[in-house]
Amino acid sequence: MAKTDRDAVVRAQVLLLGTEEPELLERIAAYRALAEVGPLTYLPKLSGALCELADAPVLEDRPELRLRYFSEALEIARRLGEDEPARDALVREARSGCERVAADAG
């Protein structure tokens, strides 16, 4: 595992505990940082947030980015332990997203 950036972890914690809901990209950055120290908690959240980003209207005309985010979400979801309750749903969501993007591309 790479050396954990303690400052990034603290910033991520503060962001997520703040009174305002962080923007999606901010949440993704926070989940990435926190997954280094709490993978069981934050990898499922990261996978779900990446799927949310891939489905965002702003990326509607960017299939290469959509596929990249769905693929990353799928990789993360597959790495989750079998005992993770959200694992199967996250795998299905990310795989379905990859298939939709591929079908849309023709």
C-alpha atoms as a PDB file:
ATOM      1  CA  MET A   1       0.000   0.000   0.000  1.00  0.00           C
ATOM      2  CA  ALA A   2       1.244   3.474  -0.812  1.00  0.00           C
ATOM      3  CA  LYS A   3       2.139   5.811   2.006  1.00  0.00           C
ATOM      4  CA  THR A   4      -1.023   7.396   3.333  1.00  0.00           C
ATOM      5  CA  ASP A   5      -1.255  11.174   3.092  1.00  0.00           C
ATOM      6  CA  ARG A   6      -2.502  12.010   6.586  1.00  0.00           C
ATOM      7  CA  ASP A   7      -3.393  15.575   5.598  1.00  0.00           C
ATOM      8  CA  ALA A   8      -5.566  14.291   2.743  1.00  0.00           C
ATOM      9  CA  VAL A   9      -7.302  11.893   5.128  1.00  0.00           C
ATOM     10  CA  VAL A  10      -8.045  14.663   7.626  1.00  0.00           C
ATOM     11  CA  ARG A  11      -9.296  17.003   4.859  1.00  0.00           C
ATOM     12  CA  ALA A  12     -11.547  14.212   3.565  1.00  0.00           C
ATOM     13  CA  GLN A  13     -12.971  13.551   7.017  1.00  0.00           C
ATOM     14  CA  VAL A  14     -13.663  17.235   7.573  1.00  0.00           C
ATOM     15  CA  LEU A  15     -15.321  17.527   4.173  1.00  0.00           C
ATOM     16  CA  LEU A  16     -17.624  14.567   4.736  1.00  0.00           C
ATOM     17  CA  LEU A  17     -18.488  15.633   8.282  1.00  0.00           C
ATOM     18  CA  GLY A  18     -19.257  19.214   7.276  1.00  0.00           C
ATOM     19  CA  THR A  19     -22.695  20.739   7.419  1.00  0.00           C
ATOM     20  CA  GLU A  20     -23.027  21.028   3.638  1.00  0.00           C
ATOM     21  CA  GLU A  21     -23.303  18.072   1.279  1.00  0.00           C
ATOM     22  CA  PRO A  22     -20.095  17.909  -0.774  1.00  0.00           C
ATOM     23  CA  GLU A  23     -20.258  17.881  -4.553  1.00  0.00           C
ATOM     24  CA  LEU A  24     -19.921  14.477  -6.202  1.00  0.00           C
ATOM     25  CA  LEU A  25     -16.321  15.016  -7.337  1.00  0.00           C
ATOM     26  CA  GLU A  26     -15.380  16.162  -3.834  1.00  0.00           C
ATOM     27  CA  ARG A  27     -16.969  13.038  -2.350  1.00  0.00           C
ATOM     28  CA  ILE A  28     -15.090  10.823  -4.792  1.00  0.00           C
ATOM     29  CA  ALA A  29     -11.785  12.461  -3.873  1.00  0.00           C
ATOM     30  CA  ALA A  30     -12.608  12.072  -0.188  1.00  0.00           C
ATOM     31  CA  TYR A  31     -13.581   8.410  -0.581  1.00  0.00           C
ATOM     32  CA  ARG A  32     -10.329   7.747  -2.466  1.00  0.00           C
ATOM     33  CA  ALA A  33      -8.285   9.235   0.378  1.00  0.00           C
ATOM     34  CA  LEU A  34     -10.273   7.513   3.107  1.00  0.00           C
ATOM     35  CA  ALA A  35     -10.222   4.134   1.340  1.00  0.00           C
ATOM     36  CA  GLU A  36      -6.489   4.052   2.080  1.00  0.00           C
ATOM     37  CA  VAL A  37      -7.184   3.910   5.822  1.00  0.00           C
ATOM     38  CA  GLY A  38     -10.692   2.431   5.880  1.00  0.00           C
ATOM     39  CA  PRO A  39     -11.224   0.265   2.798  1.00  0.00           C
ATOM     40  CA  LEU A  40     -14.118  -1.720   4.269  1.00  0.00           C
ATOM     41  CA  THR A  41     -16.081   1.477   4.795  1.00  0.00           C
ATOM     42  CA  TYR A  42     -15.034   3.629   1.874  1.00  0.00           C
ATOM     43  CA  LEU A  43     -14.440   1.308  -1.103  1.00  0.00           C
ATOM     44  CA  PRO A  44     -18.170   0.504  -1.435  1.00  0.00           C
ATOM     45  CA  LYS A  45     -18.951   4.223  -1.239  1.00  0.00           C
ATOM     46  CA  LEU A  46     -16.295   4.974  -3.851  1.00  0.00           C
ATOM     47  CA  SER A  47     -17.683   2.344  -6.213  1.00  0.00           C
ATOM     48  CA  GLY A  48     -21.206   3.724  -5.877  1.00  0.00           C
ATOM     49  CA  ALA A  49     -20.070   7.310  -6.337  1.00  0.00           C
ATOM     50  CA  LEU A  50     -18.123   6.396  -9.487  1.00  0.00           C
ATOM     51  CA  CYS A  51     -21.283   4.832 -10.937  1.00  0.00           C
ATOM     52  CA  GLU A  52     -23.189   7.982 -10.031  1.00  0.00           C
ATOM     53  CA  LEU A  53     -20.572  10.066 -11.818  1.00  0.00           C
ATOM     54  CA  ALA A  54     -20.624   7.816 -14.886  1.00  0.00           C
ATOM     55  CA  ASP A  55     -24.396   8.308 -15.105  1.00  0.00           C
ATOM     56  CA  ALA A  56     -24.210  12.078 -14.639  1.00  0.00           C
ATOM     57  CA  PRO A  57     -25.856  14.089 -17.438  1.00  0.00           C
ATOM     58  CA  VAL A  58     -22.660  16.102 -17.922  1.00  0.00           C
ATOM     59  CA  LEU A  59     -20.967  12.939 -19.231  1.00  0.00           C
ATOM     60  CA  GLU A  60     -23.830  11.932 -21.523  1.00  0.00           C
ATOM     61  CA  ASP A  61     -21.744  12.674 -24.640  1.00  0.00           C
ATOM     62  CA  ARG A  62     -18.486  11.264 -23.218  1.00  0.00           C
ATOM     63  CA  PRO A  63     -18.781   7.468 -23.494  1.00  0.00           C
ATOM     64  CA  GLU A  64     -15.038   6.960 -22.999  1.00  0.00           C
ATOM     65  CA  LEU A  65     -15.196   8.665 -19.585  1.00  0.00           C
ATOM     66  CA  ARG A  66     -18.412   6.905 -18.652  1.00  0.00           C
ATOM     67  CA  LEU A  67     -16.832   3.550 -19.460  1.00  0.00           C
ATOM     68  CA  ARG A  68     -13.688   4.436 -17.517  1.00  0.00           C
ATOM     69  CA  TYR A  69     -15.667   5.318 -14.378  1.00  0.00           C
ATOM     70  CA  PHE A  70     -17.972   2.306 -14.635  1.00  0.00           C
ATOM     71  CA  SER A  71     -14.946   0.040 -15.191  1.00  0.00           C
ATOM     72  CA  GLU A  72     -13.168   1.443 -12.155  1.00  0.00           C
ATOM     73  CA  ALA A  73     -16.322   1.007 -10.089  1.00  0.00           C
ATOM     74  CA  LEU A  74     -16.601  -2.599 -11.269  1.00  0.00           C
ATOM     75  CA  GLU A  75     -12.969  -3.337 -10.405  1.00  0.00           C
ATOM     76  CA  ILE A  76     -13.449  -1.902  -6.915  1.00  0.00           C
ATOM     77  CA  ALA A  77     -16.723  -3.769  -6.364  1.00  0.00           C
ATOM     78  CA  ARG A  78     -15.168  -7.079  -7.409  1.00  0.00           C
ATOM     79  CA  ARG A  79     -12.339  -6.571  -4.909  1.00  0.00           C
ATOM     80  CA  LEU A  80     -14.800  -6.227  -2.025  1.00  0.00           C
ATOM     81  CA  GLY A  81     -15.074  -9.189   0.267  1.00  0.00           C
ATOM     82  CA  GLU A  82     -17.913 -11.663  -0.121  1.00  0.00           C
ATOM     83  CA  ASP A  83     -19.144 -10.552   3.301  1.00  0.00           C
ATOM     84  CA  GLU A  84     -19.741  -6.968   2.073  1.00  0.00           C
ATOM     85  CA  PRO A  85     -23.555  -6.654   1.895  1.00  0.00           C
ATOM     86  CA  ALA A  86     -23.502  -4.189  -1.008  1.00  0.00           C
ATOM     87  CA  ARG A  87     -20.955  -6.129  -3.095  1.00  0.00           C
ATOM     88  CA  ASP A  88     -23.365  -7.924  -5.439  1.00  0.00           C
ATOM     89  CA  ALA A  89     -25.484  -4.823  -6.048  1.00  0.00           C
ATOM     90  CA  LEU A  90     -22.398  -2.718  -6.760  1.00  0.00           C
ATOM     91  CA  VAL A  91     -21.020  -5.317  -9.173  1.00  0.00           C
ATOM     92  CA  ARG A  92     -24.381  -5.484 -10.973  1.00  0.00           C
ATOM     93  CA  GLU A  93     -24.701  -1.706 -11.171  1.00  0.00           C
ATOM     94  CA  ALA A  94     -21.184  -1.187 -12.530  1.00  0.00           C
ATOM     95  CA  ARG A  95     -21.398  -4.132 -14.959  1.00  0.00           C
ATOM     96  CA  SER A  96     -24.769  -2.911 -16.206  1.00  0.00           C
ATOM     97  CA  GLY A  97     -23.297   0.548 -16.731  1.00  0.00           C
ATOM     98  CA  CYS A  98     -20.400  -0.876 -18.750  1.00  0.00           C
ATOM     99  CA  GLU A  99     -22.848  -2.859 -20.876  1.00  0.00           C
ATOM    100  CA  ARG A 100     -25.089   0.178 -21.459  1.00  0.00           C
ATOM    101  CA  VAL A 101     -22.159   2.315 -22.570  1.00  0.00           C
ATOM    102  CA  ALA A 102     -20.940  -0.438 -24.909  1.00  0.00           C
ATOM    103  CA  ALA A 103     -24.441  -0.899 -26.362  1.00  0.00           C
ATOM    104  CA  ASP A 104     -24.861   2.849 -26.863  1.00  0.00           C
ATOM    105  CA  ALA A 105     -21.522   2.991 -28.678  1.00  0.00           C
ATOM    106  CA  GLY A 106     -22.834   0.469 -31.158  1.00  0.00           C
END
